[in-house]
């Protein structure tokens, strides 16, 4: 699995989890992007995930 694929999976997972949690609340004042913390927070999560997963030879070997 490439780093880009892992990063994509993380982002999709975040969107699904947060979207499902807010599905029954109706319209919210903030967008999902804002609720996740914006670019800085999403970038930090993806970089941490890719850094950890990228080092596992079982996944990337």
C-alpha atoms as a PDB file:
ATOM      1  CA  UNK A   1       0.000   0.000   0.000  1.00  0.00           C
ATOM      2  CA  UNK A   2       1.455   3.358  -0.946  1.00  0.00           C
ATOM      3  CA  UNK A   3       1.608   6.390   1.324  1.00  0.00           C
ATOM      4  CA  UNK A   4      -0.969   8.196  -0.784  1.00  0.00           C
ATOM      5  CA  UNK A   5      -3.352   5.270  -0.543  1.00  0.00           C
ATOM      6  CA  UNK A   6      -2.945   5.175   3.241  1.00  0.00           C
ATOM      7  CA  UNK A   7      -3.492   8.911   3.495  1.00  0.00           C
ATOM      8  CA  UNK A   8      -6.611   8.641   1.365  1.00  0.00           C
ATOM      9  CA  UNK A   9      -7.978   5.848   3.521  1.00  0.00           C
ATOM     10  CA  UNK A  10      -7.430   7.918   6.656  1.00  0.00           C
ATOM     11  CA  UNK A  11      -9.252  10.914   5.219  1.00  0.00           C
ATOM     12  CA  UNK A  12     -12.165   8.825   3.991  1.00  0.00           C
ATOM     13  CA  UNK A  13     -12.406   7.128   7.384  1.00  0.00           C
ATOM     14  CA  UNK A  14     -12.468  10.478   9.177  1.00  0.00           C
ATOM     15  CA  UNK A  15     -15.189  11.797   6.901  1.00  0.00           C
ATOM     16  CA  UNK A  16     -17.323   8.693   7.358  1.00  0.00           C
ATOM     17  CA  UNK A  17     -16.958   8.606  11.150  1.00  0.00           C
ATOM     18  CA  UNK A  18     -17.607  12.292  11.696  1.00  0.00           C
ATOM     19  CA  UNK A  19     -20.355  12.390   9.098  1.00  0.00           C
ATOM     20  CA  UNK A  20     -22.146   9.456  10.689  1.00  0.00           C
ATOM     21  CA  UNK A  21     -21.874  11.017  14.133  1.00  0.00           C
ATOM     22  CA  UNK A  22     -23.562  14.202  12.935  1.00  0.00           C
ATOM     23  CA  UNK A  23     -26.076  12.661  10.527  1.00  0.00           C
ATOM     24  CA  UNK A  24     -29.089  13.049  12.810  1.00  0.00           C
ATOM     25  CA  UNK A  25     -28.357  16.576  13.977  1.00  0.00           C
ATOM     26  CA  UNK A  26     -29.658  18.479  10.984  1.00  0.00           C
ATOM     27  CA  UNK A  27     -27.788  21.406   9.494  1.00  0.00           C
ATOM     28  CA  UNK A  28     -24.704  22.496  11.426  1.00  0.00           C
ATOM     29  CA  UNK A  29     -23.114  25.928  11.537  1.00  0.00           C
ATOM     30  CA  UNK A  30     -19.621  24.601  10.725  1.00  0.00           C
ATOM     31  CA  UNK A  31     -18.559  22.466   7.793  1.00  0.00           C
ATOM     32  CA  UNK A  32     -17.053  19.029   8.322  1.00  0.00           C
ATOM     33  CA  UNK A  33     -13.682  20.455   7.319  1.00  0.00           C
ATOM     34  CA  UNK A  34     -13.951  23.063  10.083  1.00  0.00           C
ATOM     35  CA  UNK A  35     -15.197  20.536  12.651  1.00  0.00           C
ATOM     36  CA  UNK A  36     -12.179  18.335  11.910  1.00  0.00           C
ATOM     37  CA  UNK A  37      -9.900  21.272  12.657  1.00  0.00           C
ATOM     38  CA  UNK A  38      -9.104  22.505   9.161  1.00  0.00           C
ATOM     39  CA  UNK A  39      -6.033  21.845   7.061  1.00  0.00           C
ATOM     40  CA  UNK A  40      -3.534  21.864   9.929  1.00  0.00           C
ATOM     41  CA  UNK A  41      -5.352  19.202  11.963  1.00  0.00           C
ATOM     42  CA  UNK A  42      -6.077  16.943   8.990  1.00  0.00           C
ATOM     43  CA  UNK A  43      -2.481  17.239   7.778  1.00  0.00           C
ATOM     44  CA  UNK A  44      -1.171  16.322  11.233  1.00  0.00           C
ATOM     45  CA  UNK A  45      -3.362  13.208  11.404  1.00  0.00           C
ATOM     46  CA  UNK A  46      -2.406  12.058   7.913  1.00  0.00           C
ATOM     47  CA  UNK A  47       1.324  12.682   8.425  1.00  0.00           C
ATOM     48  CA  UNK A  48       1.310  10.794  11.727  1.00  0.00           C
ATOM     49  CA  UNK A  49      -0.603   7.881  10.224  1.00  0.00           C
ATOM     50  CA  UNK A  50       1.580   7.674   7.114  1.00  0.00           C
ATOM     51  CA  UNK A  51       4.716   7.901   9.223  1.00  0.00           C
ATOM     52  CA  UNK A  52       3.639   5.026  11.436  1.00  0.00           C
ATOM     53  CA  UNK A  53       2.205   2.788   8.714  1.00  0.00           C
ATOM     54  CA  UNK A  54       5.039   3.543   6.293  1.00  0.00           C
ATOM     55  CA  UNK A  55       7.531   1.922   8.647  1.00  0.00           C
ATOM     56  CA  UNK A  56       5.774  -1.447   8.806  1.00  0.00           C
ATOM     57  CA  UNK A  57       7.311  -3.908   6.362  1.00  0.00           C
ATOM     58  CA  UNK A  58       4.329  -6.231   6.763  1.00  0.00           C
ATOM     59  CA  UNK A  59       2.135  -3.593   5.130  1.00  0.00           C
ATOM     60  CA  UNK A  60       4.643  -2.023   2.732  1.00  0.00           C
ATOM     61  CA  UNK A  61       6.947  -4.975   2.120  1.00  0.00           C
END
